Amino acid sequence: LREAICRKFKRDNNLTYSPNQIVVSTGAKQSIANIAL
């Protein structure tokens, strides 16, 4: 899944990420909370 997210970022956003730069969470709200915390 993290590899699929990397492909999506490259295809749609011109962003190059590796799987170790991706974290999947229980909704984008948790992603935002994680980052803030």
Full PDB file with SEQRES, HELIX, SHEET, SSBOND, CRYST1, ORIGX, SCALE, CONECT and MASTER records, all heavy atoms in Angstrom:
SEQRES   1 A   37  LEU ARG GLU ALA ILE CYS ARG LYS PHE LYS ARG ASP ASN          
SEQRES   2 A   37  ASN LEU THR TYR SER PRO ASN GLN ILE VAL VAL SER THR          
SEQRES   3 A   37  GLY ALA LYS GLN SER ILE ALA ASN ILE ALA LEU                  
HELIX    1 AA1 ARG A    2  ASN A   13  1                                  12    
HELIX    2 AA2 PRO A   19  GLN A   21  5                                   3    
HELIX    3 AA3 ALA A   28  ALA A   36  1                                   9    
CRYST1    1.000    1.000    1.000  90.00  90.00  90.00 P 1           1          
ORIGX1      1.000000  0.000000  0.000000        0.00000                         
ORIGX2      0.000000  1.000000  0.000000        0.00000                         
ORIGX3      0.000000  0.000000  1.000000        0.00000                         
SCALE1      1.000000  0.000000  0.000000        0.00000                         
SCALE2      0.000000  1.000000  0.000000        0.00000                         
SCALE3      0.000000  0.000000  1.000000        0.00000                         
ATOM      1  N   LEU A   1       0.840  -1.202   0.000  1.00  0.00           N  
ATOM      2  CA  LEU A   1       0.000   0.000   0.000  1.00  0.00           C  
ATOM      3  C   LEU A   1       0.872   1.248   0.000  1.00  0.00           C  
ATOM      4  O   LEU A   1       0.607   2.206  -0.741  1.00  0.00           O  
ATOM      5  CB  LEU A   1      -0.940   0.012   1.208  1.00  0.00           C  
ATOM      6  CG  LEU A   1      -1.733   1.309   1.420  1.00  0.00           C  
ATOM      7  CD1 LEU A   1      -2.503   1.714   0.165  1.00  0.00           C  
ATOM      8  CD2 LEU A   1      -2.674   1.181   2.613  1.00  0.00           C  
ATOM      9  N   ARG A   2       1.911   1.249   0.823  1.00  0.00           N  
ATOM     10  CA  ARG A   2       2.798   2.428   0.835  1.00  0.00           C  
ATOM     11  C   ARG A   2       3.481   2.614  -0.523  1.00  0.00           C  
ATOM     12  O   ARG A   2       3.699   3.744  -0.973  1.00  0.00           O  
ATOM     13  CB  ARG A   2       3.814   2.301   1.972  1.00  0.00           C  
ATOM     14  CG  ARG A   2       3.174   2.539   3.349  1.00  0.00           C  
ATOM     15  CD  ARG A   2       4.163   2.451   4.489  1.00  0.00           C  
ATOM     16  NE  ARG A   2       4.526   1.084   4.799  1.00  0.00           N  
ATOM     17  CZ  ARG A   2       5.768   0.633   4.885  1.00  0.00           C  
ATOM     18  NH1 ARG A   2       6.789   1.451   4.675  1.00  0.00           N  
ATOM     19  NH2 ARG A   2       5.996  -0.636   5.177  1.00  0.00           N  
ATOM     20  N   GLU A   3       3.764   1.519  -1.205  1.00  0.00           N  
ATOM     21  CA  GLU A   3       4.320   1.626  -2.560  1.00  0.00           C  
ATOM     22  C   GLU A   3       3.280   2.208  -3.522  1.00  0.00           C  
ATOM     23  O   GLU A   3       3.618   3.022  -4.401  1.00  0.00           O  
ATOM     24  CB  GLU A   3       4.784   0.249  -3.036  1.00  0.00           C  
ATOM     25  CG  GLU A   3       6.028  -0.252  -2.309  1.00  0.00           C  
ATOM     26  CD  GLU A   3       6.367  -1.699  -2.629  1.00  0.00           C  
ATOM     27  OE1 GLU A   3       5.460  -2.448  -3.090  1.00  0.00           O  
ATOM     28  OE2 GLU A   3       7.526  -2.089  -2.424  1.00  0.00           O  
ATOM     29  N   ALA A   4       2.018   1.801  -3.357  1.00  0.00           N  
ATOM     30  CA  ALA A   4       0.949   2.356  -4.189  1.00  0.00           C  
ATOM     31  C   ALA A   4       0.784   3.851  -3.936  1.00  0.00           C  
ATOM     32  O   ALA A   4       0.533   4.637  -4.867  1.00  0.00           O  
ATOM     33  CB  ALA A   4      -0.365   1.618  -3.924  1.00  0.00           C  
ATOM     34  N   ILE A   5       0.920   4.251  -2.669  1.00  0.00           N  
ATOM     35  CA  ILE A   5       0.830   5.678  -2.335  1.00  0.00           C  
ATOM     36  C   ILE A   5       1.980   6.450  -2.987  1.00  0.00           C  
ATOM     37  O   ILE A   5       1.783   7.564  -3.503  1.00  0.00           O  
ATOM     38  CB  ILE A   5       0.811   5.860  -0.808  1.00  0.00           C  
ATOM     39  CG1 ILE A   5      -0.501   5.311  -0.223  1.00  0.00           C  
ATOM     40  CG2 ILE A   5       0.981   7.330  -0.428  1.00  0.00           C  
ATOM     41  CD1 ILE A   5      -0.511   5.183   1.285  1.00  0.00           C  
ATOM     42  N   CYS A   6       3.158   5.862  -2.996  1.00  0.00           N  
ATOM     43  CA  CYS A   6       4.292   6.503  -3.669  1.00  0.00           C  
ATOM     44  C   CYS A   6       4.006   6.682  -5.163  1.00  0.00           C  
ATOM     45  O   CYS A   6       4.310   7.738  -5.744  1.00  0.00           O  
ATOM     46  CB  CYS A   6       5.568   5.676  -3.482  1.00  0.00           C  
ATOM     47  SG  CYS A   6       6.212   5.677  -1.792  1.00  0.00           S  
ATOM     48  N   ARG A   7       3.433   5.669  -5.783  1.00  0.00           N  
ATOM     49  CA  ARG A   7       3.087   5.782  -7.206  1.00  0.00           C  
ATOM     50  C   ARG A   7       2.050   6.876  -7.417  1.00  0.00           C  
ATOM     51  O   ARG A   7       2.140   7.647  -8.384  1.00  0.00           O  
ATOM     52  CB  ARG A   7       2.549   4.440  -7.733  1.00  0.00           C  
ATOM     53  CG  ARG A   7       3.573   3.323  -7.789  1.00  0.00           C  
ATOM     54  CD  ARG A   7       3.063   2.133  -8.594  1.00  0.00           C  
ATOM     55  NE  ARG A   7       1.939   1.463  -7.967  1.00  0.00           N  
ATOM     56  CZ  ARG A   7       2.047   0.470  -7.075  1.00  0.00           C  
ATOM     57  NH1 ARG A   7       3.243   0.059  -6.685  1.00  0.00           N  
ATOM     58  NH2 ARG A   7       0.973  -0.106  -6.580  1.00  0.00           N  
ATOM     59  N   LYS A   8       1.069   6.927  -6.533  1.00  0.00           N  
ATOM     60  CA  LYS A   8       0.034   7.956  -6.639  1.00  0.00           C  
ATOM     61  C   LYS A   8       0.626   9.353  -6.496  1.00  0.00           C  
ATOM     62  O   LYS A   8       0.290  10.275  -7.261  1.00  0.00           O  
ATOM     63  CB  LYS A   8      -1.037   7.712  -5.567  1.00  0.00           C  
ATOM     64  CG  LYS A   8      -2.083   8.816  -5.452  1.00  0.00           C  
ATOM     65  CD  LYS A   8      -1.730   9.771  -4.320  1.00  0.00           C  
ATOM     66  CE  LYS A   8      -2.664  10.930  -4.212  1.00  0.00           C  
ATOM     67  NZ  LYS A   8      -2.630  11.861  -5.328  1.00  0.00           N  
ATOM     68  N   PHE A   9       1.505   9.549  -5.510  1.00  0.00           N  
ATOM     69  CA  PHE A   9       2.129  10.860  -5.320  1.00  0.00           C  
ATOM     70  C   PHE A   9       2.917  11.278  -6.567  1.00  0.00           C  
ATOM     71  O   PHE A   9       2.896  12.441  -6.962  1.00  0.00           O  
ATOM     72  CB  PHE A   9       3.052  10.839  -4.101  1.00  0.00           C  
ATOM     73  CG  PHE A   9       2.372  11.171  -2.802  1.00  0.00           C  
ATOM     74  CD1 PHE A   9       2.569  10.373  -1.673  1.00  0.00           C  
ATOM     75  CD2 PHE A   9       1.570  12.285  -2.670  1.00  0.00           C  
ATOM     76  CE1 PHE A   9       1.970  10.689  -0.454  1.00  0.00           C  
ATOM     77  CE2 PHE A   9       0.960  12.604  -1.466  1.00  0.00           C  
ATOM     78  CZ  PHE A   9       1.155  11.812  -0.358  1.00  0.00           C  
ATOM     79  N   LYS A  10       3.616  10.319  -7.173  1.00  0.00           N  
ATOM     80  CA  LYS A  10       4.400  10.647  -8.368  1.00  0.00           C  
ATOM     81  C   LYS A  10       3.488  10.980  -9.537  1.00  0.00           C  
ATOM     82  O   LYS A  10       3.715  11.963 -10.261  1.00  0.00           O  
ATOM     83  CB  LYS A  10       5.307   9.466  -8.722  1.00  0.00           C  
ATOM     84  CG  LYS A  10       6.274   9.761  -9.858  1.00  0.00           C  
ATOM     85  CD  LYS A  10       7.263  10.861  -9.473  1.00  0.00           C  
ATOM     86  CE  LYS A  10       8.271  11.117 -10.572  1.00  0.00           C  
ATOM     87  NZ  LYS A  10       9.179  12.244 -10.232  1.00  0.00           N  
ATOM     88  N   ARG A  11       2.459  10.181  -9.735  1.00  0.00           N  
ATOM     89  CA  ARG A  11       1.544  10.355 -10.872  1.00  0.00           C  
ATOM     90  C   ARG A  11       0.724  11.640 -10.774  1.00  0.00           C  
ATOM     91  O   ARG A  11       0.612  12.395 -11.744  1.00  0.00           O  
ATOM     92  CB  ARG A  11       0.594   9.147 -10.921  1.00  0.00           C  
ATOM     93  CG  ARG A  11      -0.431   9.176 -12.057  1.00  0.00           C  
ATOM     94  CD  ARG A  11      -1.495   8.106 -11.816  1.00  0.00           C  
ATOM     95  NE  ARG A  11      -2.333   8.421 -10.650  1.00  0.00           N  
ATOM     96  CZ  ARG A  11      -3.024   7.502  -9.968  1.00  0.00           C  
ATOM     97  NH1 ARG A  11      -2.965   6.231 -10.297  1.00  0.00           N  
ATOM     98  NH2 ARG A  11      -3.778   7.874  -8.936  1.00  0.00           N  
ATOM     99  N   ASP A  12       0.167  11.900  -9.593  1.00  0.00           N  
ATOM    100  CA  ASP A  12      -0.794  12.995  -9.452  1.00  0.00           C  
ATOM    101  C   ASP A  12      -0.185  14.293  -8.935  1.00  0.00           C  
ATOM    102  O   ASP A  12      -0.765  15.366  -9.149  1.00  0.00           O  
ATOM    103  CB  ASP A  12      -1.920  12.588  -8.486  1.00  0.00           C  
ATOM    104  CG  ASP A  12      -2.711  11.396  -8.976  1.00  0.00           C  
ATOM    105  OD1 ASP A  12      -2.660  11.111 -10.185  1.00  0.00           O  
ATOM    106  OD2 ASP A  12      -3.385  10.747  -8.139  1.00  0.00           O  
ATOM    107  N   ASN A  13       0.935  14.199  -8.225  1.00  0.00           N  
ATOM    108  CA  ASN A  13       1.441  15.370  -7.504  1.00  0.00           C  
ATOM    109  C   ASN A  13       2.886  15.730  -7.830  1.00  0.00           C  
ATOM    110  O   ASN A  13       3.419  16.683  -7.246  1.00  0.00           O  
ATOM    111  CB  ASN A  13       1.316  15.137  -5.991  1.00  0.00           C  
ATOM    112  CG  ASN A  13      -0.072  14.662  -5.596  1.00  0.00           C  
ATOM    113  OD1 ASN A  13      -0.299  13.471  -5.406  1.00  0.00           O  
ATOM    114  ND2 ASN A  13      -1.023  15.578  -5.511  1.00  0.00           N  
ATOM    115  N   ASN A  14       3.517  14.956  -8.702  1.00  0.00           N  
ATOM    116  CA  ASN A  14       4.931  15.201  -9.040  1.00  0.00           C  
ATOM    117  C   ASN A  14       5.809  15.174  -7.793  1.00  0.00           C  
ATOM    118  O   ASN A  14       6.736  15.965  -7.639  1.00  0.00           O  
ATOM    119  CB  ASN A  14       5.096  16.527  -9.784  1.00  0.00           C  
ATOM    120  CG  ASN A  14       6.462  16.668 -10.423  1.00  0.00           C  
ATOM    121  OD1 ASN A  14       7.074  15.676 -10.830  1.00  0.00           O  
ATOM    122  ND2 ASN A  14       6.960  17.900 -10.510  1.00  0.00           N  
ATOM    123  N   LEU A  15       5.514  14.234  -6.893  1.00  0.00           N  
ATOM    124  CA  LEU A  15       6.262  14.100  -5.643  1.00  0.00           C  
ATOM    125  C   LEU A  15       6.918  12.721  -5.598  1.00  0.00           C  
ATOM    126  O   LEU A  15       6.245  11.704  -5.813  1.00  0.00           O  
ATOM    127  CB  LEU A  15       5.341  14.260  -4.434  1.00  0.00           C  
ATOM    128  CG  LEU A  15       4.712  15.640  -4.235  1.00  0.00           C  
ATOM    129  CD1 LEU A  15       3.712  15.605  -3.082  1.00  0.00           C  
ATOM    130  CD2 LEU A  15       5.789  16.687  -3.968  1.00  0.00           C  
ATOM    131  N   THR A  16       8.192  12.696  -5.307  1.00  0.00           N  
ATOM    132  CA  THR A  16       8.921  11.431  -5.217  1.00  0.00           C  
ATOM    133  C   THR A  16       9.143  11.075  -3.757  1.00  0.00           C  
ATOM    134  O   THR A  16       9.876  11.767  -3.035  1.00  0.00           O  
ATOM    135  CB  THR A  16      10.278  11.539  -5.935  1.00  0.00           C  
ATOM    136  OG1 THR A  16      10.053  11.869  -7.311  1.00  0.00           O  
ATOM    137  CG2 THR A  16      11.025  10.219  -5.858  1.00  0.00           C  
ATOM    138  N   TYR A  17       8.477  10.020  -3.313  1.00  0.00           N  
ATOM    139  CA  TYR A  17       8.631   9.524  -1.948  1.00  0.00           C  
ATOM    140  C   TYR A  17       9.026   8.055  -1.999  1.00  0.00           C  
ATOM    141  O   TYR A  17       8.720   7.340  -2.957  1.00  0.00           O  
ATOM    142  CB  TYR A  17       7.325   9.652  -1.157  1.00  0.00           C  
ATOM    143  CG  TYR A  17       6.928  11.057  -0.781  1.00  0.00           C  
ATOM    144  CD1 TYR A  17       5.699  11.589  -1.182  1.00  0.00           C  
ATOM    145  CD2 TYR A  17       7.764  11.850  -0.006  1.00  0.00           C  
ATOM    146  CE1 TYR A  17       5.315  12.877  -0.819  1.00  0.00           C  
ATOM    147  CE2 TYR A  17       7.388  13.138   0.362  1.00  0.00           C  
ATOM    148  CZ  TYR A  17       6.164  13.642  -0.048  1.00  0.00           C  
ATOM    149  OH  TYR A  17       5.794  14.915   0.309  1.00  0.00           O  
ATOM    150  N   SER A  18       9.673   7.600  -0.929  1.00  0.00           N  
ATOM    151  CA  SER A  18       9.960   6.187  -0.713  1.00  0.00           C  
ATOM    152  C   SER A  18       8.993   5.662   0.344  1.00  0.00           C  
ATOM    153  O   SER A  18       8.442   6.451   1.138  1.00  0.00           O  
ATOM    154  CB  SER A  18      11.403   6.005  -0.237  1.00  0.00           C  
ATOM    155  OG  SER A  18      12.306   6.505  -1.200  1.00  0.00           O  
ATOM    156  N   PRO A  19       8.776   4.357   0.398  1.00  0.00           N  
ATOM    157  CA  PRO A  19       7.832   3.817   1.386  1.00  0.00           C  
ATOM    158  C   PRO A  19       8.146   4.221   2.826  1.00  0.00           C  
ATOM    159  O   PRO A  19       7.218   4.335   3.637  1.00  0.00           O  
ATOM    160  CB  PRO A  19       7.945   2.299   1.182  1.00  0.00           C  
ATOM    161  CG  PRO A  19       8.303   2.155  -0.260  1.00  0.00           C  
ATOM    162  CD  PRO A  19       9.228   3.302  -0.549  1.00  0.00           C  
ATOM    163  N   ASN A  20       9.438   4.452   3.161  1.00  0.00           N  
ATOM    164  CA  ASN A  20       9.750   4.836   4.535  1.00  0.00           C  
ATOM    165  C   ASN A  20       9.368   6.286   4.837  1.00  0.00           C  
ATOM    166  O   ASN A  20       9.526   6.748   5.964  1.00  0.00           O  
ATOM    167  CB  ASN A  20      11.238   4.618   4.841  1.00  0.00           C  
ATOM    168  CG  ASN A  20      12.151   5.560   4.084  1.00  0.00           C  
ATOM    169  OD1 ASN A  20      11.814   6.046   3.002  1.00  0.00           O  
ATOM    170  ND2 ASN A  20      13.320   5.824   4.650  1.00  0.00           N  
ATOM    171  N   GLN A  21       8.859   6.979   3.834  1.00  0.00           N  
ATOM    172  CA  GLN A  21       8.374   8.347   4.025  1.00  0.00           C  
ATOM    173  C   GLN A  21       6.851   8.408   4.112  1.00  0.00           C  
ATOM    174  O   GLN A  21       6.283   9.497   4.196  1.00  0.00           O  
ATOM    175  CB  GLN A  21       8.851   9.245   2.875  1.00  0.00           C  
ATOM    176  CG  GLN A  21      10.351   9.440   2.803  1.00  0.00           C  
ATOM    177  CD  GLN A  21      10.748  10.271   1.598  1.00  0.00           C  
ATOM    178  OE1 GLN A  21      10.950   9.746   0.506  1.00  0.00           O  
ATOM    179  NE2 GLN A  21      10.833  11.577   1.790  1.00  0.00           N  
ATOM    180  N   ILE A  22       6.217   7.259   4.101  1.00  0.00           N  
ATOM    181  CA  ILE A  22       4.748   7.159   4.084  1.00  0.00           C  
ATOM    182  C   ILE A  22       4.262   6.513   5.374  1.00  0.00           C  
ATOM    183  O   ILE A  22       4.846   5.535   5.843  1.00  0.00           O  
ATOM    184  CB  ILE A  22       4.276   6.304   2.893  1.00  0.00           C  
ATOM    185  CG1 ILE A  22       4.848   6.813   1.567  1.00  0.00           C  
ATOM    186  CG2 ILE A  22       2.752   6.229   2.848  1.00  0.00           C  
ATOM    187  CD1 ILE A  22       4.421   8.206   1.173  1.00  0.00           C  
ATOM    188  N   VAL A  23       3.183   7.044   5.947  1.00  0.00           N  
ATOM    189  CA  VAL A  23       2.509   6.413   7.080  1.00  0.00           C  
ATOM    190  C   VAL A  23       1.012   6.385   6.780  1.00  0.00           C  
ATOM    191  O   VAL A  23       0.414   7.419   6.476  1.00  0.00           O  
ATOM    192  CB  VAL A  23       2.759   7.152   8.403  1.00  0.00           C  
ATOM    193  CG1 VAL A  23       2.026   6.446   9.551  1.00  0.00           C  
ATOM    194  CG2 VAL A  23       4.242   7.246   8.701  1.00  0.00           C  
ATOM    195  N   VAL A  24       0.421   5.213   6.868  1.00  0.00           N  
ATOM    196  CA  VAL A  24      -1.015   5.028   6.671  1.00  0.00           C  
ATOM    197  C   VAL A  24      -1.694   5.083   8.032  1.00  0.00           C  
ATOM    198  O   VAL A  24      -1.236   4.443   8.992  1.00  0.00           O  
ATOM    199  CB  VAL A  24      -1.305   3.679   5.989  1.00  0.00           C  
ATOM    200  CG1 VAL A  24      -2.807   3.481   5.802  1.00  0.00           C  
ATOM    201  CG2 VAL A  24      -0.573   3.598   4.646  1.00  0.00           C  
ATOM    202  N   SER A  25      -2.791   5.828   8.127  1.00  0.00           N  
ATOM    203  CA  SER A  25      -3.459   6.020   9.415  1.00  0.00           C  
ATOM    204  C   SER A  25      -4.960   5.788   9.290  1.00  0.00           C  
ATOM    205  O   SER A  25      -5.488   5.604   8.189  1.00  0.00           O  
ATOM    206  CB  SER A  25      -3.203   7.449   9.932  1.00  0.00           C  
ATOM    207  OG  SER A  25      -1.826   7.676  10.121  1.00  0.00           O  
ATOM    208  N   THR A  26      -5.616   5.816  10.431  1.00  0.00           N  
ATOM    209  CA  THR A  26      -7.065   5.633  10.465  1.00  0.00           C  
ATOM    210  C   THR A  26      -7.742   6.962  10.130  1.00  0.00           C  
ATOM    211  O   THR A  26      -8.261   7.658  10.997  1.00  0.00           O  
ATOM    212  CB  THR A  26      -7.511   5.101  11.831  1.00  0.00           C  
ATOM    213  OG1 THR A  26      -6.807   3.896  12.108  1.00  0.00           O  
ATOM    214  CG2 THR A  26      -8.998   4.823  11.859  1.00  0.00           C  
ATOM    215  N   GLY A  27      -7.700   7.323   8.867  1.00  0.00           N  
ATOM    216  CA  GLY A  27      -8.256   8.586   8.400  1.00  0.00           C  
ATOM    217  C   GLY A  27      -7.216   9.689   8.362  1.00  0.00           C  
ATOM    218  O   GLY A  27      -6.227   9.672   9.099  1.00  0.00           O  
ATOM    219  N   ALA A  28      -7.440  10.671   7.481  1.00  0.00           N  
ATOM    220  CA  ALA A  28      -6.520  11.804   7.369  1.00  0.00           C  
ATOM    221  C   ALA A  28      -6.470  12.613   8.660  1.00  0.00           C  
ATOM    222  O   ALA A  28      -5.453  13.239   8.967  1.00  0.00           O  
ATOM    223  CB  ALA A  28      -6.925  12.691   6.187  1.00  0.00           C  
ATOM    224  N   LYS A  29      -7.554  12.591   9.423  1.00  0.00           N  
ATOM    225  CA  LYS A  29      -7.552  13.322  10.694  1.00  0.00           C  
ATOM    226  C   LYS A  29      -6.489  12.771  11.637  1.00  0.00           C  
ATOM    227  O   LYS A  29      -5.790  13.533  12.310  1.00  0.00           O  
ATOM    228  CB  LYS A  29      -8.936  13.253  11.352  1.00  0.00           C  
ATOM    229  CG  LYS A  29      -9.060  14.114  12.622  1.00  0.00           C  
ATOM    230  CD  LYS A  29     -10.434  13.974  13.272  1.00  0.00           C  
ATOM    231  CE  LYS A  29     -11.500  14.646  12.476  1.00  0.00           C  
ATOM    232  NZ  LYS A  29     -12.805  14.725  13.203  1.00  0.00           N  
ATOM    233  N   GLN A  30      -6.341  11.446  11.677  1.00  0.00           N  
ATOM    234  CA  GLN A  30      -5.284  10.888  12.521  1.00  0.00           C  
ATOM    235  C   GLN A  30      -3.911  11.252  11.970  1.00  0.00           C  
ATOM    236  O   GLN A  30      -2.983  11.515  12.751  1.00  0.00           O  
ATOM    237  CB  GLN A  30      -5.402   9.367  12.642  1.00  0.00           C  
ATOM    238  CG  GLN A  30      -4.362   8.819  13.626  1.00  0.00           C  
ATOM    239  CD  GLN A  30      -4.380   7.316  13.802  1.00  0.00           C  
ATOM    240  OE1 GLN A  30      -4.841   6.583  12.945  1.00  0.00           O  
ATOM    241  NE2 GLN A  30      -3.857   6.849  14.917  1.00  0.00           N  
ATOM    242  N   SER A  31      -3.758  11.273  10.657  1.00  0.00           N  
ATOM    243  CA  SER A  31      -2.485  11.691  10.079  1.00  0.00           C  
ATOM    244  C   SER A  31      -2.117  13.095  10.548  1.00  0.00           C  
ATOM    245  O   SER A  31      -0.971  13.367  10.941  1.00  0.00           O  
ATOM    246  CB  SER A  31      -2.559  11.669   8.541  1.00  0.00           C  
ATOM    247  OG  SER A  31      -2.815  10.374   8.051  1.00  0.00           O  
ATOM    248  N   ILE A  32      -3.084  13.998  10.519  1.00  0.00           N  
ATOM    249  CA  ILE A  32      -2.843  15.378  10.942  1.00  0.00           C  
ATOM    250  C   ILE A  32      -2.501  15.433  12.427  1.00  0.00           C  
ATOM    251  O   ILE A  32      -1.568  16.134  12.846  1.00  0.00           O  
ATOM    252  CB  ILE A  32      -4.076  16.245  10.617  1.00  0.00           C  
ATOM    253  CG1 ILE A  32      -4.247  16.352   9.095  1.00  0.00           C  
ATOM    254  CG2 ILE A  32      -3.951  17.632  11.242  1.00  0.00           C  
ATOM    255  CD1 ILE A  32      -5.585  16.926   8.663  1.00  0.00           C  
ATOM    256  N   ALA A  33      -3.234  14.685  13.234  1.00  0.00           N  
ATOM    257  CA  ALA A  33      -2.964  14.672  14.675  1.00  0.00           C  
ATOM    258  C   ALA A  33      -1.578  14.106  14.964  1.00  0.00           C  
ATOM    259  O   ALA A  33      -0.844  14.637  15.814  1.00  0.00           O  
ATOM    260  CB  ALA A  33      -4.038  13.863  15.395  1.00  0.00           C  
ATOM    261  N   ASN A  34      -1.221  13.032  14.281  1.00  0.00           N  
ATOM    262  CA  ASN A  34       0.122  12.470  14.463  1.00  0.00           C  
ATOM    263  C   ASN A  34       1.196  13.525  14.207  1.00  0.00           C  
ATOM    264  O   ASN A  34       2.144  13.680  14.986  1.00  0.00           O  
ATOM    265  CB  ASN A  34       0.347  11.301  13.494  1.00  0.00           C  
ATOM    266  CG  ASN A  34      -0.379  10.029  13.890  1.00  0.00           C  
ATOM    267  OD1 ASN A  34      -0.843   9.887  15.015  1.00  0.00           O  
ATOM    268  ND2 ASN A  34      -0.478   9.110  12.952  1.00  0.00           N  
ATOM    269  N   ILE A  35       1.072  14.222  13.096  1.00  0.00           N  
ATOM    270  CA  ILE A  35       2.071  15.221  12.702  1.00  0.00           C  
ATOM    271  C   ILE A  35       2.170  16.317  13.748  1.00  0.00           C  
ATOM    272  O   ILE A  35       3.272  16.723  14.154  1.00  0.00           O  
ATOM    273  CB  ILE A  35       1.728  15.792  11.316  1.00  0.00           C  
ATOM    274  CG1 ILE A  35       1.859  14.699  10.247  1.00  0.00           C  
ATOM    275  CG2 ILE A  35       2.614  16.987  10.978  1.00  0.00           C  
ATOM    276  CD1 ILE A  35       1.109  15.002   8.967  1.00  0.00           C  
ATOM    277  N   ALA A  36       1.026  16.822  14.190  1.00  0.00           N  
ATOM    278  CA  ALA A  36       1.035  17.884  15.195  1.00  0.00           C  
ATOM    279  C   ALA A  36       1.674  17.404  16.497  1.00  0.00           C  
ATOM    280  O   ALA A  36       2.477  18.118  17.116  1.00  0.00           O  
ATOM    281  CB  ALA A  36      -0.390  18.372  15.451  1.00  0.00           C  
ATOM    282  N   LEU A  37       1.349  16.188  16.904  1.00  0.00           N  
ATOM    283  CA  LEU A  37       1.847  15.694  18.183  1.00  0.00           C  
ATOM    284  C   LEU A  37       3.346  15.403  18.165  1.00  0.00           C  
ATOM    285  O   LEU A  37       4.004  15.467  19.207  1.00  0.00           O  
ATOM    286  CB  LEU A  37       1.072  14.444  18.594  1.00  0.00           C  
ATOM    287  CG  LEU A  37      -0.387  14.694  19.006  1.00  0.00           C  
ATOM    288  CD1 LEU A  37      -1.143  13.380  19.132  1.00  0.00           C  
ATOM    289  CD2 LEU A  37      -0.466  15.483  20.307  1.00  0.00           C  
TER     290      LEU A  37                                                      
MASTER        0    0    0    3    0    0    0    6  289    1    0    3          
END                                                                             
